Amino acid sequence: MKKTLVFIVMLIALSLSMLFALDKEQVDSWTALVGEKDLQVKMQKLEAYYNKYGAREDRYSMYMYIHLAQTTYMLQQYDKTIQFGEKALTYKEIDASNKLPLYLYLANSYNLTKKDLDKAYDYAEQMIVLANSLRSETQSNSAIDINFTAPALRIQVQLLALKANDPQSADTAFKKSLEAYQLDKSEKSANFVLKLSEHLLKMNKTEDAIRGLEAINQDKPNYEYHKLLGTWYARLKNNVKAIENFKASYGLKKSAQVAYNLGILLNQNQEIDTALEYLAESHLLNDEKYSPEAFKLFEHLVFFEKTKGQPQPEQEKVYNEILTAAKARLGITLP
């Protein structure tokens, strides 16, 4: 009996020692993979850990799936990202700081693989809702906005843009693109706004197109953007805003086309003297397409409008004075 008891105690001790050894081995494996910086090596360690311990349900399980989702996503193994990311989300104890990146991985993975675009949109929406719930009134929200909300909105914009011929989809995509840009001011978000503004213009939604381009141009003034705005405002017969934007564009970069446009619009506004200044400059900028047209209108306005009825020498004097002044403004020293 005594020998039997000793044997049982020894057996229990041996079992416990094997259990502790196994736990230490698992802990060591986990510690090694978590600290690994090389993605390929980390993936190998993760797969080995998953194959050995994946069937267990322990305190590492949820984090194992989180690391698997993250690593496969960074390695662009999107099918595996979907598998492991969705498994990680089944754990009720998962917190918001882990949910946000998982939603991002899954939304992008479904979008890039085109496996289920509705799921891509839904995960992006869940990311937006969760990110908004984490916003603080007392602290900066820029990290959440830049890393999660804006990317989620861009994913939704891409998906909505696939149905851009539908007016409602185009409108929603445009609003979301503007929202993303207001959050992160990134070039990616700006490009979505610009493309959708151009699309809305083709759908004759000129005012919306202007609103998008103005949002970008307000932060990053650009001569091309101002020129487009001038053209779009002119389409709406809003000469005041068209002239304002053409002048801003011309101030950033001299252009015979823009100067010619200003000459036309200013003449329509009965501002003939200023119109002649821009037409003269358009002529002197020597553009193959616009300078000849500007010169025709310039001559007509000088001889048949501004100096109409005056003696020819007086007309020629005014003509030469305007051209000389234009040369001086442009820094042209040639006769």
Protein backbone atom coordinates (compact mmCIF):
# COMPACT_ATOMS: atom_id res chain seq x y z
CA MET A 1 0.00 0.00 0.00
CA LYS A 2 2.81 2.34 0.92
CA LYS A 3 4.67 1.46 -2.25
CA THR A 4 1.51 2.07 -4.29
CA LEU A 5 1.01 5.50 -2.73
CA VAL A 6 4.61 6.42 -3.46
CA PHE A 7 4.16 5.30 -7.07
CA ILE A 8 1.01 7.42 -7.48
CA VAL A 9 2.73 10.47 -6.01
CA MET A 10 5.67 9.94 -8.34
CA LEU A 11 3.32 9.54 -11.31
CA ILE A 12 1.48 12.75 -10.44
CA ALA A 13 4.77 14.58 -10.01
CA LEU A 14 5.98 13.31 -13.38
CA SER A 15 2.74 14.37 -15.08
CA LEU A 16 2.92 17.83 -13.54
CA SER A 17 6.53 18.22 -14.57
CA MET A 18 5.62 17.27 -18.17
CA LEU A 19 2.71 19.74 -18.10
CA PHE A 20 4.90 22.55 -16.81
CA ALA A 21 7.53 21.70 -19.44
CA LEU A 22 4.89 21.84 -22.16
CA ASP A 23 3.54 25.17 -20.89
CA LYS A 24 7.04 26.62 -20.82
CA GLU A 25 7.67 25.40 -24.35
CA GLN A 26 4.43 27.02 -25.51
CA VAL A 27 5.21 30.27 -23.72
CA ASP A 28 8.70 30.33 -25.23
CA SER A 29 7.28 29.71 -28.71
CA TRP A 30 4.75 32.46 -28.26
CA THR A 31 7.29 34.93 -26.94
CA ALA A 32 9.61 34.22 -29.86
CA LEU A 33 6.98 34.83 -32.53
CA VAL A 34 5.49 37.94 -30.95
CA GLY A 35 8.89 39.64 -30.87
CA GLU A 36 9.83 38.63 -34.44
CA LYS A 37 10.32 41.58 -36.81
CA ASP A 38 10.86 39.72 -40.07
CA LEU A 39 7.40 39.06 -41.51
CA GLN A 40 8.32 35.89 -43.38
CA VAL A 41 10.02 34.40 -40.33
CA LYS A 42 7.15 35.48 -38.10
CA MET A 43 4.70 33.78 -40.44
CA GLN A 44 6.69 30.55 -40.28
CA LYS A 45 6.70 30.69 -36.47
CA LEU A 46 2.98 31.49 -36.40
CA GLU A 47 2.15 28.56 -38.66
CA ALA A 48 4.25 26.24 -36.53
CA TYR A 49 2.55 27.51 -33.38
CA TYR A 50 -0.90 27.25 -34.99
CA ASN A 51 -0.28 23.68 -36.14
CA LYS A 52 0.91 22.63 -32.68
CA TYR A 53 -1.33 24.62 -30.35
CA GLY A 54 -4.17 25.88 -32.55
CA ALA A 55 -6.60 23.19 -31.41
CA ARG A 56 -6.34 24.39 -27.83
CA GLU A 57 -8.52 27.09 -26.38
CA ASP A 58 -6.34 29.04 -23.98
CA ARG A 59 -5.42 32.60 -23.15
CA TYR A 60 -3.25 32.84 -26.27
CA SER A 61 -5.85 31.66 -28.79
CA MET A 62 -7.51 34.99 -29.53
CA TYR A 63 -4.16 36.77 -29.85
CA MET A 64 -2.83 33.99 -32.07
CA TYR A 65 -5.64 34.65 -34.55
CA ILE A 66 -5.09 38.41 -34.31
CA HIS A 67 -1.39 37.98 -35.12
CA LEU A 68 -2.21 35.56 -37.93
CA ALA A 69 -4.68 38.03 -39.44
CA GLN A 70 -2.25 40.93 -39.15
CA THR A 71 0.75 39.06 -40.55
CA THR A 72 -1.10 37.48 -43.47
CA TYR A 73 -2.56 40.89 -44.31
CA MET A 74 0.88 42.49 -44.37
CA LEU A 75 2.11 39.63 -46.56
CA GLN A 76 -0.91 40.17 -48.85
CA GLN A 77 -2.23 36.66 -48.19
CA TYR A 78 -5.77 38.00 -48.13
CA ASP A 79 -7.67 34.69 -48.16
CA LYS A 80 -5.89 33.69 -44.98
CA THR A 81 -6.50 37.15 -43.52
CA ILE A 82 -10.22 36.60 -43.97
CA GLN A 83 -10.02 33.15 -42.36
CA PHE A 84 -8.07 34.23 -39.30
CA GLY A 85 -9.56 37.70 -38.94
CA GLU A 86 -13.11 36.45 -38.80
CA LYS A 87 -12.09 33.73 -36.32
CA ALA A 88 -10.52 36.39 -34.06
CA LEU A 89 -13.76 38.37 -34.08
CA THR A 90 -15.67 35.40 -32.67
CA TYR A 91 -14.04 35.97 -29.27
CA LYS A 92 -16.39 38.01 -27.11
CA GLU A 93 -13.58 39.43 -24.99
CA ILE A 94 -11.83 41.10 -27.93
CA ASP A 95 -11.52 44.83 -27.32
CA ALA A 96 -11.95 47.85 -29.59
CA SER A 97 -8.21 48.40 -30.07
CA ASN A 98 -7.98 44.99 -31.71
CA LYS A 99 -11.32 45.14 -33.50
CA LEU A 100 -10.49 48.32 -35.43
CA PRO A 101 -7.46 46.93 -37.30
CA LEU A 102 -9.26 43.62 -37.86
CA TYR A 103 -12.16 45.44 -39.51
CA LEU A 104 -9.63 47.24 -41.71
CA TYR A 105 -7.85 44.02 -42.69
CA LEU A 106 -11.13 42.29 -43.50
CA ALA A 107 -12.69 45.19 -45.41
CA ASN A 108 -9.58 45.56 -47.56
CA SER A 109 -9.15 41.82 -48.03
CA TYR A 110 -12.72 41.33 -49.22
CA ASN A 111 -12.38 44.39 -51.46
CA LEU A 112 -9.05 43.38 -53.00
CA THR A 113 -10.00 39.73 -53.56
CA LYS A 114 -13.49 40.70 -54.82
CA LYS A 115 -14.81 37.69 -52.92
CA ASP A 116 -17.68 39.51 -51.27
CA LEU A 117 -17.97 43.25 -51.88
CA ASP A 118 -20.99 43.55 -49.59
CA LYS A 119 -18.89 42.20 -46.73
CA ALA A 120 -16.12 44.64 -47.62
CA TYR A 121 -18.59 47.52 -47.34
CA ASP A 122 -20.10 46.17 -44.10
CA TYR A 123 -16.73 45.75 -42.38
CA ALA A 124 -15.80 49.28 -43.43
CA GLU A 125 -19.07 50.52 -41.95
CA GLN A 126 -18.43 48.67 -38.69
CA MET A 127 -15.00 50.30 -38.57
CA ILE A 128 -16.54 53.76 -39.01
CA VAL A 129 -19.16 53.16 -36.32
CA LEU A 130 -16.59 51.82 -33.83
CA ALA A 131 -14.10 54.60 -34.59
CA ASN A 132 -16.79 57.24 -34.08
CA SER A 133 -17.73 55.69 -30.74
CA LEU A 134 -14.11 56.05 -29.62
CA ARG A 135 -13.84 59.72 -30.53
CA SER A 136 -13.00 61.97 -27.62
CA GLU A 137 -14.15 65.55 -27.08
CA THR A 138 -11.07 66.37 -25.02
CA GLN A 139 -8.27 64.60 -26.91
CA SER A 140 -6.99 64.57 -30.46
CA ASN A 141 -8.75 62.06 -32.69
CA SER A 142 -6.29 62.36 -35.56
CA ALA A 143 -4.84 58.85 -35.12
CA ILE A 144 -8.29 57.25 -35.34
CA ASP A 145 -9.31 59.51 -38.23
CA ILE A 146 -6.18 58.94 -40.29
CA ASN A 147 -5.63 55.24 -39.62
CA PHE A 148 -9.20 53.95 -39.57
CA THR A 149 -12.12 56.25 -40.39
CA ALA A 150 -10.65 57.81 -43.53
CA PRO A 151 -9.43 54.45 -44.96
CA ALA A 152 -12.83 52.90 -44.23
CA LEU A 153 -14.58 55.72 -46.07
CA ARG A 154 -12.21 55.33 -49.03
CA ILE A 155 -13.02 51.62 -49.25
CA GLN A 156 -16.72 52.47 -49.35
CA VAL A 157 -16.07 55.14 -51.98
CA GLN A 158 -14.30 52.59 -54.18
CA LEU A 159 -17.20 50.19 -53.87
CA LEU A 160 -19.83 52.85 -54.52
CA ALA A 161 -17.85 54.10 -57.51
CA LEU A 162 -18.43 50.73 -59.18
CA LYS A 163 -22.07 51.85 -59.43
CA ALA A 164 -21.27 55.48 -60.21
CA ASN A 165 -23.76 55.64 -63.07
CA ASP A 166 -26.47 55.40 -60.45
CA PRO A 167 -27.06 59.00 -59.26
CA GLN A 168 -27.65 58.00 -55.64
CA SER A 169 -24.47 55.87 -55.49
CA ALA A 170 -22.47 58.65 -57.10
CA ASP A 171 -23.81 61.19 -54.63
CA THR A 172 -23.09 58.97 -51.62
CA ALA A 173 -19.60 58.20 -52.89
CA PHE A 174 -18.90 61.90 -53.37
CA LYS A 175 -20.06 62.79 -49.84
CA LYS A 176 -17.96 60.02 -48.32
CA SER A 177 -14.91 61.07 -50.33
CA LEU A 178 -15.28 64.62 -49.03
CA GLU A 179 -15.66 63.32 -45.48
CA ALA A 180 -12.49 61.23 -45.81
CA TYR A 181 -10.57 64.21 -47.17
CA GLN A 182 -11.72 66.48 -44.35
CA LEU A 183 -10.43 63.88 -41.89
CA ASP A 184 -6.94 63.22 -43.23
CA LYS A 185 -6.22 65.75 -46.01
CA SER A 186 -4.27 63.01 -47.79
CA GLU A 187 -3.45 62.79 -51.48
CA LYS A 188 -5.36 59.50 -51.68
CA SER A 189 -8.53 61.11 -50.35
CA ALA A 190 -8.01 64.20 -52.53
CA ASN A 191 -7.77 62.04 -55.66
CA PHE A 192 -11.10 60.39 -54.88
CA VAL A 193 -12.73 63.81 -54.47
CA LEU A 194 -11.25 65.04 -57.75
CA LYS A 195 -12.30 61.98 -59.74
CA LEU A 196 -15.83 62.05 -58.35
CA SER A 197 -16.09 65.80 -58.95
CA GLU A 198 -15.23 65.22 -62.60
CA HIS A 199 -17.78 62.40 -62.73
CA LEU A 200 -20.49 64.61 -61.23
CA LEU A 201 -19.67 67.28 -63.79
CA LYS A 202 -20.43 64.77 -66.56
CA MET A 203 -23.74 64.09 -64.81
CA ASN A 204 -24.46 67.86 -64.99
CA LYS A 205 -24.10 68.23 -61.21
CA THR A 206 -21.79 71.19 -61.66
CA GLU A 207 -22.42 72.78 -58.26
CA ASP A 208 -21.46 69.56 -56.46
CA ALA A 209 -18.38 69.22 -58.65
CA ILE A 210 -17.36 72.76 -57.73
CA ARG A 211 -17.88 72.05 -54.04
CA GLY A 212 -15.49 69.10 -54.22
CA LEU A 213 -12.78 70.91 -56.16
CA GLU A 214 -13.01 73.97 -53.92
CA ALA A 215 -12.46 71.79 -50.84
CA ILE A 216 -9.18 70.52 -52.32
CA ASN A 217 -8.09 73.86 -53.70
CA GLN A 218 -8.72 75.62 -50.41
CA ASP A 219 -5.97 73.60 -48.74
CA LYS A 220 -3.65 73.27 -51.74
CA PRO A 221 -4.19 76.21 -54.13
CA ASN A 222 -3.23 75.20 -57.64
CA TYR A 223 -3.34 77.11 -60.92
CA GLU A 224 -4.96 74.14 -62.69
CA TYR A 225 -7.65 73.79 -60.01
CA HIS A 226 -8.42 77.53 -60.20
CA LYS A 227 -8.63 77.26 -64.00
CA LEU A 228 -11.08 74.37 -63.75
CA LEU A 229 -13.15 76.26 -61.20
CA GLY A 230 -13.21 79.27 -63.50
CA THR A 231 -14.41 77.07 -66.36
CA TRP A 232 -17.07 75.38 -64.23
CA TYR A 233 -18.36 78.66 -62.81
CA ALA A 234 -18.52 80.05 -66.33
CA ARG A 235 -20.70 77.06 -67.24
CA LEU A 236 -23.10 78.22 -64.51
CA LYS A 237 -22.99 81.78 -65.92
CA ASN A 238 -21.47 82.95 -62.64
CA ASN A 239 -19.03 85.42 -64.18
CA VAL A 240 -17.96 86.92 -60.88
CA LYS A 241 -16.70 83.61 -59.48
CA ALA A 242 -15.34 82.55 -62.87
CA ILE A 243 -13.27 85.75 -63.14
CA GLU A 244 -12.12 85.42 -59.52
CA ASN A 245 -10.78 81.92 -60.15
CA PHE A 246 -9.26 82.67 -63.54
CA LYS A 247 -7.40 85.63 -62.00
CA ALA A 248 -6.15 83.41 -59.19
CA SER A 249 -4.98 80.82 -61.72
CA TYR A 250 -3.26 83.45 -63.85
CA GLY A 251 -1.57 84.87 -60.77
CA LEU A 252 -0.01 81.47 -60.07
CA LYS A 253 0.99 80.75 -63.66
CA LYS A 254 0.74 82.86 -66.83
CA SER A 255 -1.40 81.16 -69.44
CA ALA A 256 -2.61 82.46 -72.78
CA GLN A 257 -5.79 80.38 -72.44
CA VAL A 258 -6.66 81.80 -69.02
CA ALA A 259 -5.84 85.36 -70.12
CA TYR A 260 -8.07 84.89 -73.17
CA ASN A 261 -10.90 83.57 -71.00
CA LEU A 262 -10.53 86.58 -68.71
CA GLY A 263 -10.66 88.91 -71.70
CA ILE A 264 -13.95 87.39 -72.85
CA LEU A 265 -15.59 87.41 -69.41
CA LEU A 266 -14.42 90.90 -68.45
CA ASN A 267 -15.69 92.23 -71.75
CA GLN A 268 -19.06 90.61 -71.06
CA ASN A 269 -19.02 92.42 -67.69
CA GLN A 270 -18.43 95.73 -69.47
CA GLU A 271 -14.89 95.99 -68.03
CA ILE A 272 -13.28 96.70 -71.38
CA ASP A 273 -10.02 98.24 -70.15
CA THR A 274 -9.16 95.26 -67.97
CA ALA A 275 -10.33 92.90 -70.70
CA LEU A 276 -7.90 94.52 -73.14
CA GLU A 277 -5.02 94.10 -70.69
CA TYR A 278 -5.54 90.35 -70.47
CA LEU A 279 -6.17 89.96 -74.21
CA ALA A 280 -2.93 91.81 -74.96
CA GLU A 281 -1.03 89.52 -72.62
CA SER A 282 -2.67 86.43 -74.13
CA HIS A 283 -1.51 87.62 -77.57
CA LEU A 284 2.03 88.24 -76.34
CA LEU A 285 2.30 84.86 -74.62
CA ASN A 286 2.35 83.43 -78.14
CA ASP A 287 0.25 80.31 -77.69
CA GLU A 288 -0.49 78.57 -80.98
CA LYS A 289 -4.17 78.05 -80.22
CA TYR A 290 -5.33 80.91 -77.98
CA SER A 291 -3.04 83.85 -78.83
CA PRO A 292 -4.41 84.38 -82.37
CA GLU A 293 -8.00 84.33 -81.08
CA ALA A 294 -7.08 86.77 -78.31
CA PHE A 295 -5.43 89.10 -80.83
CA LYS A 296 -8.55 89.14 -83.03
CA LEU A 297 -10.75 90.12 -80.12
CA PHE A 298 -8.15 92.63 -78.89
CA GLU A 299 -8.04 94.45 -82.21
CA HIS A 300 -11.81 94.44 -82.50
CA LEU A 301 -12.30 95.92 -79.03
CA VAL A 302 -9.62 98.58 -79.50
CA PHE A 303 -10.73 99.83 -82.90
CA PHE A 304 -14.48 99.19 -82.83
CA GLU A 305 -15.33 99.62 -79.16
CA LYS A 306 -12.83 101.58 -77.09
CA THR A 307 -11.68 104.09 -79.76
CA LYS A 308 -14.66 103.88 -82.07
CA GLY A 309 -15.07 107.11 -84.07
CA GLN A 310 -11.65 108.50 -83.11
CA PRO A 311 -9.02 109.46 -85.68
CA GLN A 312 -6.79 106.61 -86.80
CA PRO A 313 -3.62 108.06 -85.21
CA GLU A 314 -5.40 108.22 -81.85
CA GLN A 315 -6.61 104.67 -82.26
CA GLU A 316 -3.11 103.41 -83.09
CA LYS A 317 -1.69 105.31 -80.11
CA VAL A 318 -4.10 103.59 -77.73
CA TYR A 319 -3.39 100.25 -79.42
CA ASN A 320 0.38 100.63 -78.98
CA GLU A 321 0.09 101.91 -75.41
CA ILE A 322 -1.90 98.87 -74.33
CA LEU A 323 0.58 96.46 -75.96
CA THR A 324 3.59 98.29 -74.49
CA ALA A 325 2.10 98.15 -71.01
CA ALA A 326 1.36 94.44 -71.44
CA LYS A 327 4.97 93.79 -72.50
CA ALA A 328 6.21 95.61 -69.41
CA ARG A 329 3.96 93.53 -67.12
CA LEU A 330 5.22 90.33 -68.75
CA GLY A 331 8.83 91.47 -68.67
CA ILE A 332 9.16 91.43 -72.45
CA THR A 333 11.92 93.79 -73.60
CA LEU A 334 11.74 93.08 -77.32
CA PRO A 335 9.98 95.65 -79.52
